[in-house]
Amino acid sequence: MKNLTITVDDSVLEWARVEAARRGTSVSRMVGDFMAEMMQREDAYERAYLAWRTDERSWQAGQAPVATAAVEARRASARRTGDPQDLNSGAAV
């Protein structure tokens, strides 16, 4: 493990000391745990983003993108009202 020196306002340090005591830990351990949690969240986000980007089910060549529920609702409404422009574009009325 390595040491880290940080600079914080006096009020932040006082809060951190009280919070660490309340949790039964040290300020150092609390900051280290916080940083480790942030790292894990970033890694999880990055993995989810890469999985989404490489998901070929939604990006297969030659297929139209999957329509959202809102677009489908507008198309259904256009069919009922007979507005051909809304049927083709999916644009808002």
N, C-alpha and C. Protein backbone atom coordinates (compact mmCIF):
# COMPACT_ATOMS: atom_id res chain seq x y z
N MET A 1 0.84 -1.19 0.00
CA MET A 1 0.00 0.00 0.00
C MET A 1 0.88 1.24 0.00
N LYS A 2 0.37 2.26 -0.66
CA LYS A 2 1.08 3.54 -0.73
C LYS A 2 0.34 4.59 0.09
N ASN A 3 1.06 5.58 0.54
CA ASN A 3 0.47 6.71 1.26
C ASN A 3 0.08 7.78 0.26
N LEU A 4 -0.92 8.57 0.64
CA LEU A 4 -1.42 9.65 -0.21
C LEU A 4 -1.67 10.86 0.67
N THR A 5 -1.21 12.01 0.24
CA THR A 5 -1.46 13.25 0.97
C THR A 5 -2.50 14.04 0.19
N ILE A 6 -3.56 14.48 0.88
CA ILE A 6 -4.59 15.28 0.22
C ILE A 6 -4.78 16.58 0.98
N THR A 7 -5.35 17.56 0.33
CA THR A 7 -5.65 18.85 0.94
C THR A 7 -7.16 19.05 0.91
N VAL A 8 -7.74 19.31 2.07
CA VAL A 8 -9.18 19.55 2.17
C VAL A 8 -9.43 20.71 3.11
N ASP A 9 -10.61 21.29 3.00
CA ASP A 9 -11.00 22.35 3.93
C ASP A 9 -11.11 21.79 5.34
N ASP A 10 -10.92 22.66 6.33
CA ASP A 10 -11.00 22.23 7.72
C ASP A 10 -12.36 21.61 8.04
N SER A 11 -13.42 22.20 7.51
CA SER A 11 -14.77 21.68 7.80
C SER A 11 -14.96 20.28 7.20
N VAL A 12 -14.36 20.04 6.04
CA VAL A 12 -14.45 18.71 5.41
C VAL A 12 -13.69 17.69 6.24
N LEU A 13 -12.52 18.06 6.71
CA LEU A 13 -11.73 17.14 7.52
C LEU A 13 -12.45 16.83 8.83
N GLU A 14 -13.05 17.83 9.45
CA GLU A 14 -13.79 17.60 10.69
C GLU A 14 -14.95 16.65 10.44
N TRP A 15 -15.68 16.86 9.36
CA TRP A 15 -16.78 15.95 9.02
C TRP A 15 -16.24 14.53 8.80
N ALA A 16 -15.14 14.40 8.07
CA ALA A 16 -14.57 13.09 7.78
C ALA A 16 -14.15 12.38 9.06
N ARG A 17 -13.57 13.11 10.00
CA ARG A 17 -13.18 12.50 11.27
C ARG A 17 -14.39 11.98 12.04
N VAL A 18 -15.43 12.79 12.10
CA VAL A 18 -16.65 12.38 12.80
C VAL A 18 -17.29 11.19 12.10
N GLU A 19 -17.37 11.25 10.79
CA GLU A 19 -17.97 10.16 10.02
C GLU A 19 -17.17 8.87 10.15
N ALA A 20 -15.87 8.96 10.11
CA ALA A 20 -15.03 7.78 10.27
C ALA A 20 -15.21 7.18 11.66
N ALA A 21 -15.29 8.02 12.68
CA ALA A 21 -15.50 7.51 14.04
C ALA A 21 -16.87 6.85 14.15
N ARG A 22 -17.86 7.45 13.54
CA ARG A 22 -19.21 6.88 13.55
C ARG A 22 -19.22 5.50 12.90
N ARG A 23 -18.42 5.33 11.85
CA ARG A 23 -18.35 4.06 11.13
C ARG A 23 -17.36 3.08 11.74
N GLY A 24 -16.62 3.53 12.72
CA GLY A 24 -15.63 2.67 13.36
C GLY A 24 -14.43 2.39 12.49
N THR A 25 -14.00 3.38 11.75
CA THR A 25 -12.85 3.23 10.86
C THR A 25 -12.01 4.49 10.91
N SER A 26 -11.01 4.58 10.08
CA SER A 26 -10.16 5.78 10.02
C SER A 26 -10.52 6.59 8.78
N VAL A 27 -10.12 7.86 8.80
CA VAL A 27 -10.32 8.70 7.62
C VAL A 27 -9.56 8.11 6.44
N SER A 28 -8.36 7.63 6.69
CA SER A 28 -7.56 7.04 5.63
C SER A 28 -8.27 5.85 5.00
N ARG A 29 -8.79 4.94 5.82
CA ARG A 29 -9.49 3.76 5.31
C ARG A 29 -10.77 4.18 4.57
N MET A 30 -11.48 5.17 5.10
CA MET A 30 -12.72 5.63 4.48
C MET A 30 -12.44 6.21 3.09
N VAL A 31 -11.39 7.01 2.97
CA VAL A 31 -11.03 7.58 1.66
C VAL A 31 -10.59 6.48 0.71
N GLY A 32 -9.79 5.54 1.20
CA GLY A 32 -9.34 4.43 0.36
C GLY A 32 -10.50 3.59 -0.14
N ASP A 33 -11.46 3.30 0.77
CA ASP A 33 -12.64 2.51 0.37
C ASP A 33 -13.48 3.26 -0.65
N PHE A 34 -13.61 4.58 -0.45
CA PHE A 34 -14.36 5.40 -1.40
C PHE A 34 -13.72 5.36 -2.78
N MET A 35 -12.40 5.49 -2.83
CA MET A 35 -11.71 5.47 -4.12
C MET A 35 -11.82 4.10 -4.79
N ALA A 36 -11.74 3.03 -4.01
CA ALA A 36 -11.87 1.68 -4.56
C ALA A 36 -13.27 1.47 -5.13
N GLU A 37 -14.28 1.98 -4.42
CA GLU A 37 -15.66 1.86 -4.90
C GLU A 37 -15.86 2.63 -6.20
N MET A 38 -15.29 3.82 -6.27
CA MET A 38 -15.39 4.61 -7.51
C MET A 38 -14.71 3.89 -8.67
N MET A 39 -13.56 3.27 -8.41
CA MET A 39 -12.86 2.53 -9.45
C MET A 39 -13.72 1.36 -9.94
N GLN A 40 -14.34 0.63 -9.03
CA GLN A 40 -15.20 -0.49 -9.41
C GLN A 40 -16.39 -0.03 -10.23
N ARG A 41 -17.00 1.09 -9.84
CA ARG A 41 -18.13 1.62 -10.60
C ARG A 41 -17.71 2.01 -12.01
N GLU A 42 -16.58 2.68 -12.13
CA GLU A 42 -16.08 3.07 -13.45
C GLU A 42 -15.82 1.84 -14.31
N ASP A 43 -15.19 0.81 -13.71
CA ASP A 43 -14.91 -0.41 -14.46
C ASP A 43 -16.20 -1.08 -14.90
N ALA A 44 -17.21 -1.13 -14.02
CA ALA A 44 -18.49 -1.75 -14.36
C ALA A 44 -19.17 -0.96 -15.47
N TYR A 45 -19.12 0.37 -15.40
CA TYR A 45 -19.71 1.20 -16.44
C TYR A 45 -19.02 0.96 -17.78
N GLU A 46 -17.70 0.93 -17.75
CA GLU A 46 -16.93 0.73 -18.98
C GLU A 46 -17.26 -0.64 -19.60
N ARG A 47 -17.35 -1.67 -18.77
CA ARG A 47 -17.69 -3.01 -19.29
C ARG A 47 -19.09 -3.01 -19.90
N ALA A 48 -20.05 -2.37 -19.23
CA ALA A 48 -21.42 -2.32 -19.75
C ALA A 48 -21.47 -1.54 -21.06
N TYR A 49 -20.74 -0.43 -21.12
CA TYR A 49 -20.72 0.38 -22.34
C TYR A 49 -20.12 -0.43 -23.50
N LEU A 50 -19.01 -1.10 -23.25
CA LEU A 50 -18.38 -1.89 -24.31
C LEU A 50 -19.28 -3.05 -24.75
N ALA A 51 -19.97 -3.66 -23.81
CA ALA A 51 -20.90 -4.74 -24.16
C ALA A 51 -22.02 -4.20 -25.04
N TRP A 52 -22.52 -3.01 -24.72
CA TRP A 52 -23.58 -2.39 -25.53
C TRP A 52 -23.06 -2.06 -26.93
N ARG A 53 -21.86 -1.49 -27.00
CA ARG A 53 -21.29 -1.10 -28.29
C ARG A 53 -21.04 -2.30 -29.20
N THR A 54 -20.74 -3.46 -28.61
CA THR A 54 -20.42 -4.63 -29.42
C THR A 54 -21.60 -5.58 -29.56
N ASP A 55 -22.77 -5.20 -29.07
CA ASP A 55 -23.96 -6.05 -29.17
C ASP A 55 -24.48 -5.98 -30.60
N GLU A 56 -24.23 -7.02 -31.36
CA GLU A 56 -24.59 -7.02 -32.78
C GLU A 56 -26.08 -7.22 -33.02
N ARG A 57 -26.81 -7.63 -32.00
CA ARG A 57 -28.25 -7.82 -32.21
C ARG A 57 -28.93 -6.53 -32.60
N SER A 58 -28.49 -5.40 -32.09
CA SER A 58 -29.15 -4.13 -32.40
C SER A 58 -28.46 -3.35 -33.52
N TRP A 59 -27.33 -3.84 -34.04
CA TRP A 59 -26.60 -3.10 -35.06
C TRP A 59 -26.28 -3.96 -36.28
N GLN A 60 -27.12 -4.92 -36.63
CA GLN A 60 -26.84 -5.76 -37.78
C GLN A 60 -27.06 -4.98 -39.07
N ALA A 61 -26.15 -5.19 -40.01
CA ALA A 61 -26.22 -4.47 -41.29
C ALA A 61 -27.49 -4.84 -42.04
N GLY A 62 -28.06 -3.86 -42.70
CA GLY A 62 -29.23 -4.11 -43.53
C GLY A 62 -30.54 -4.08 -42.78
N GLN A 63 -30.53 -3.91 -41.50
CA GLN A 63 -31.76 -3.86 -40.73
C GLN A 63 -31.99 -2.45 -40.23
N ALA A 64 -33.25 -2.06 -40.18
CA ALA A 64 -33.59 -0.76 -39.64
C ALA A 64 -33.42 -0.78 -38.13
N PRO A 65 -33.11 0.36 -37.53
CA PRO A 65 -33.00 0.40 -36.08
C PRO A 65 -34.33 0.05 -35.43
N VAL A 66 -34.27 -0.47 -34.24
CA VAL A 66 -35.47 -0.83 -33.50
C VAL A 66 -36.21 0.45 -33.12
N ALA A 67 -37.49 0.51 -33.43
CA ALA A 67 -38.28 1.70 -33.12
C ALA A 67 -38.63 1.73 -31.64
N THR A 68 -38.67 2.93 -31.09
CA THR A 68 -39.03 3.06 -29.69
C THR A 68 -40.54 3.00 -29.54
N ALA A 69 -41.00 2.82 -28.34
CA ALA A 69 -42.43 2.76 -28.07
C ALA A 69 -43.10 4.07 -28.47
N ALA A 70 -42.42 5.20 -28.26
CA ALA A 70 -43.00 6.50 -28.60
C ALA A 70 -43.20 6.62 -30.10
N VAL A 71 -42.23 6.17 -30.89
CA VAL A 71 -42.35 6.22 -32.35
C VAL A 71 -43.49 5.31 -32.80
N GLU A 72 -43.57 4.12 -32.23
CA GLU A 72 -44.65 3.20 -32.58
C GLU A 72 -46.01 3.80 -32.24
N ALA A 73 -46.11 4.49 -31.11
CA ALA A 73 -47.38 5.12 -30.72
C ALA A 73 -47.76 6.21 -31.71
N ARG A 74 -46.78 7.01 -32.16
CA ARG A 74 -47.07 8.06 -33.16
C ARG A 74 -47.52 7.44 -34.47
N ARG A 75 -46.88 6.35 -34.86
CA ARG A 75 -47.27 5.69 -36.11
C ARG A 75 -48.69 5.15 -36.02
N ALA A 76 -49.03 4.56 -34.88
CA ALA A 76 -50.39 4.03 -34.70
C ALA A 76 -51.40 5.17 -34.74
N SER A 77 -51.06 6.29 -34.12
CA SER A 77 -51.94 7.45 -34.13
C SER A 77 -52.11 7.99 -35.55
N ALA A 78 -51.01 8.02 -36.32
CA ALA A 78 -51.07 8.50 -37.70
C ALA A 78 -51.94 7.59 -38.55
N ARG A 79 -51.87 6.29 -38.30
CA ARG A 79 -52.71 5.35 -39.05
C ARG A 79 -54.18 5.63 -38.79
N ARG A 80 -54.50 5.94 -37.53
CA ARG A 80 -55.90 6.22 -37.18
C ARG A 80 -56.37 7.52 -37.81
N THR A 81 -55.49 8.53 -37.88
CA THR A 81 -55.89 9.82 -38.42
C THR A 81 -55.66 9.93 -39.92
N GLY A 82 -54.90 8.99 -40.48
CA GLY A 82 -54.66 9.00 -41.92
C GLY A 82 -53.63 10.00 -42.38
N ASP A 83 -52.70 10.39 -41.54
CA ASP A 83 -51.66 11.35 -41.90
C ASP A 83 -50.44 10.60 -42.43
N PRO A 84 -50.25 10.56 -43.77
CA PRO A 84 -49.16 9.78 -44.35
C PRO A 84 -47.77 10.30 -43.97
N GLN A 85 -47.61 11.59 -43.72
CA GLN A 85 -46.30 12.13 -43.35
C GLN A 85 -45.83 11.54 -42.02
N ASP A 86 -46.73 11.44 -41.05
CA ASP A 86 -46.36 10.88 -39.76
C ASP A 86 -46.07 9.39 -39.86
N LEU A 87 -46.71 8.70 -40.78
CA LEU A 87 -46.47 7.27 -40.95
C LEU A 87 -45.05 7.01 -41.43
N ASN A 88 -44.56 7.85 -42.34
CA ASN A 88 -43.23 7.63 -42.92
C ASN A 88 -42.10 8.11 -42.03
N SER A 89 -42.25 9.24 -41.44
CA SER A 89 -41.12 9.82 -40.72
C SER A 89 -41.09 9.50 -39.24
N GLY A 90 -42.24 9.24 -38.66
CA GLY A 90 -42.27 9.04 -37.22
C GLY A 90 -42.11 10.35 -36.48
N ALA A 91 -42.22 11.47 -37.21
CA ALA A 91 -42.02 12.77 -36.59
C ALA A 91 -43.20 13.13 -35.69
N ALA A 92 -42.93 13.99 -34.73
CA ALA A 92 -43.98 14.43 -33.84
C ALA A 92 -45.00 15.26 -34.59
N VAL A 93 -46.24 15.20 -34.16
CA VAL A 93 -47.32 15.90 -34.84
C VAL A 93 -47.25 17.36 -34.54
